[in-house]
């Protein structure tokens, strides 16, 4: 076998693993959404919002991802500024 053939097999294997992981995540997401359709009331300061529990979970996840990303960017920027000094 040539090195190029081994490399393409490695890439194909990684693509298969990524596809399997993606399918599993989609299936788990569908299960969570289907099991969490009951409406819940959420109070945010002075506002009360009613939404399906799955939507509240998704919103919480997105907010957490956004905050995590912003904190990471701030940390990277501070480190970069310190190296520049």
Foldseek 3Di string as FASTA:
>chain_A
DDPVVVVVVVVVVVVVVVVVVVVVVVVVLVVVCVVFQDWDWDDDPPDIDIGTPSVVVVVVVVVVVVVVVVVVVVVVVVVVVVVVD
